[in-house]
N, C-alpha and C. Protein backbone atom coordinates (compact mmCIF):
# COMPACT_ATOMS: atom_id res chain seq x y z
N CYS A 1 0.84 -0.95 0.00
CA CYS A 1 0.09 -0.18 0.13
C CYS A 1 0.89 1.35 -0.05
N GLN A 2 0.63 2.13 -0.91
CA GLN A 2 1.48 3.31 -0.97
C GLN A 2 1.29 4.35 0.03
N ILE A 3 -0.04 4.17 0.79
CA ILE A 3 -0.11 5.03 1.84
C ILE A 3 0.38 4.67 3.04
N CYS A 4 0.33 3.15 3.47
CA CYS A 4 0.77 2.91 4.95
C CYS A 4 1.93 1.87 4.81
N LEU A 5 2.12 1.64 3.58
CA LEU A 5 3.46 0.73 3.22
C LEU A 5 3.15 -0.87 3.59
N LYS A 6 2.02 -1.28 3.94
CA LYS A 6 1.74 -2.53 4.13
C LYS A 6 1.67 -3.51 3.06
N THR A 7 2.06 -4.63 2.99
CA THR A 7 2.17 -5.53 1.96
C THR A 7 1.23 -6.46 1.81
N PHE A 8 0.92 -7.19 0.62
CA PHE A 8 -0.20 -7.89 0.50
C PHE A 8 0.32 -9.03 -0.59
N PRO A 9 -0.15 -10.19 -0.34
CA PRO A 9 0.50 -11.39 -1.32
C PRO A 9 0.00 -11.22 -2.61
N ARG A 10 -1.53 -10.71 -2.73
CA ARG A 10 -2.47 -10.70 -3.92
C ARG A 10 -2.84 -9.26 -4.06
N GLU A 11 -2.98 -8.94 -5.25
CA GLU A 11 -3.37 -7.29 -5.71
C GLU A 11 -4.92 -7.34 -4.98
N TYR A 12 -5.54 -8.42 -5.17
CA TYR A 12 -7.12 -8.37 -4.67
C TYR A 12 -7.12 -7.87 -3.35
N HIS A 13 -6.14 -8.54 -2.37
CA HIS A 13 -6.31 -8.09 -1.06
C HIS A 13 -5.77 -6.66 -0.94
N LEU A 14 -4.63 -6.13 -1.64
CA LEU A 14 -4.31 -4.61 -1.44
C LEU A 14 -5.63 -3.70 -1.86
N LYS A 15 -6.16 -4.06 -2.77
CA LYS A 15 -7.32 -3.47 -3.18
C LYS A 15 -8.58 -3.17 -2.04
N LEU A 16 -8.81 -4.58 -1.45
CA LEU A 16 -9.51 -4.17 -0.22
C LEU A 16 -9.08 -3.56 0.72
N HIS A 17 -7.80 -3.62 1.03
CA HIS A 17 -7.25 -3.01 2.20
C HIS A 17 -7.30 -1.53 1.77
N GLN A 18 -6.98 -0.98 0.70
CA GLN A 18 -6.90 0.28 0.17
C GLN A 18 -8.30 1.06 0.78
N THR A 19 -9.28 0.42 0.71
CA THR A 19 -10.55 0.94 1.22
C THR A 19 -10.70 1.76 2.42
N ILE A 20 -9.75 1.26 3.36
CA ILE A 20 -9.76 1.80 4.59
C ILE A 20 -9.10 3.27 4.57
N HIS A 21 -8.36 3.29 3.52
CA HIS A 21 -7.84 4.94 3.50
C HIS A 21 -8.76 5.92 2.69
N CYS A 22 -9.91 5.49 2.35
CA CYS A 22 -10.88 6.41 1.81
C CYS A 22 -12.28 6.28 2.39
N MET A 23 -13.25 7.00 1.89
CA MET A 23 -14.50 6.87 2.44
C MET A 23 -15.42 6.28 1.33
N GLU A 24 -14.93 5.79 0.38
CA GLU A 24 -15.71 5.17 -0.75
C GLU A 24 -16.44 3.95 -0.09
N LYS A 25 -17.76 3.68 -0.60
CA LYS A 25 -18.46 2.62 0.00
C LYS A 25 -19.38 2.32 -1.24
N PRO A 26 -18.93 1.67 -2.32
CA PRO A 26 -19.62 1.54 -3.51
C PRO A 26 -20.78 0.33 -3.52
N HIS A 27 -20.78 -0.30 -2.61
CA HIS A 27 -21.90 -1.44 -2.37
C HIS A 27 -22.89 -1.16 -1.87
N LYS A 28 -24.16 -1.36 -2.30
CA LYS A 28 -25.44 -0.89 -1.72
C LYS A 28 -26.29 -1.97 -1.47
N CYS A 29 -27.07 -1.85 -0.33
CA CYS A 29 -27.91 -2.97 0.03
C CYS A 29 -29.12 -2.49 -0.91
N GLN A 30 -29.69 -3.59 -1.69
CA GLN A 30 -30.87 -3.33 -2.83
C GLN A 30 -32.22 -3.08 -1.85
N ARG A 31 -32.48 -3.36 -0.62
CA ARG A 31 -33.62 -3.09 0.19
C ARG A 31 -33.47 -1.61 0.88
N CYS A 32 -32.64 -1.41 1.69
CA CYS A 32 -32.58 -0.03 2.26
C CYS A 32 -31.56 0.89 1.87
N HIS A 33 -30.79 0.65 0.91
CA HIS A 33 -29.75 1.22 0.25
C HIS A 33 -28.81 1.83 1.17
N LYS A 34 -28.60 1.21 2.45
CA LYS A 34 -27.14 1.53 3.07
C LYS A 34 -25.93 0.94 2.21
N THR A 35 -25.06 1.70 2.51
CA THR A 35 -23.70 1.38 1.57
C THR A 35 -22.59 0.72 2.34
N PHE A 36 -21.82 0.14 1.62
CA PHE A 36 -20.72 -0.99 2.35
C PHE A 36 -19.55 -0.79 1.46
N LYS A 37 -18.37 -1.04 2.14
CA LYS A 37 -17.04 -1.07 1.42
C LYS A 37 -16.75 -1.95 0.67
N THR A 38 -17.29 -3.29 0.81
CA THR A 38 -17.31 -4.63 0.27
C THR A 38 -18.57 -5.19 -0.07
N ARG A 39 -18.74 -5.93 -1.08
CA ARG A 39 -19.79 -6.71 -1.55
C ARG A 39 -20.20 -7.59 -0.49
N TRP A 40 -19.26 -8.29 0.08
CA TRP A 40 -19.33 -9.19 1.28
C TRP A 40 -20.13 -8.55 2.43
N LEU A 41 -19.87 -7.28 2.97
CA LEU A 41 -20.50 -6.59 3.95
C LEU A 41 -21.89 -6.42 3.58
N ALA A 42 -21.99 -5.97 2.33
CA ALA A 42 -23.45 -5.70 2.07
C ALA A 42 -24.45 -6.91 2.01
N SER A 43 -23.80 -8.04 1.52
CA SER A 43 -24.54 -9.13 1.37
C SER A 43 -24.76 -9.81 3.08
N ARG A 44 -23.77 -9.66 3.96
CA ARG A 44 -24.10 -10.16 5.25
C ARG A 44 -25.06 -9.05 5.99
N HIS A 45 -25.03 -7.94 5.65
CA HIS A 45 -25.91 -7.00 6.44
C HIS A 45 -27.49 -7.44 5.74
N ALA A 46 -27.69 -7.67 4.40
CA ALA A 46 -28.81 -8.01 3.88
C ALA A 46 -29.36 -9.28 4.48
N SER A 47 -28.70 -10.36 4.49
CA SER A 47 -28.92 -11.62 5.24
C SER A 47 -29.35 -11.62 6.57
N LYS A 48 -28.82 -10.62 7.51
CA LYS A 48 -28.85 -10.48 8.84
C LYS A 48 -30.29 -9.44 9.07
N THR A 49 -30.17 -8.56 8.51
CA THR A 49 -31.20 -7.37 8.65
C THR A 49 -32.52 -7.53 7.92
N HIS A 50 -32.56 -8.01 6.72
CA HIS A 50 -33.81 -8.08 6.02
C HIS A 50 -34.21 -9.47 5.98
């Protein structure tokens, strides 16, 4: 990571990590429109909340 210098074995993990450095939350719950940083978090929210 160019911001905190943490390293990751796969680029996918780096991209997930980089979301902690910004306010971006591109994944939206289809029912209540709450937003999440990862698709997994949005999916977990939907299954536990709705």
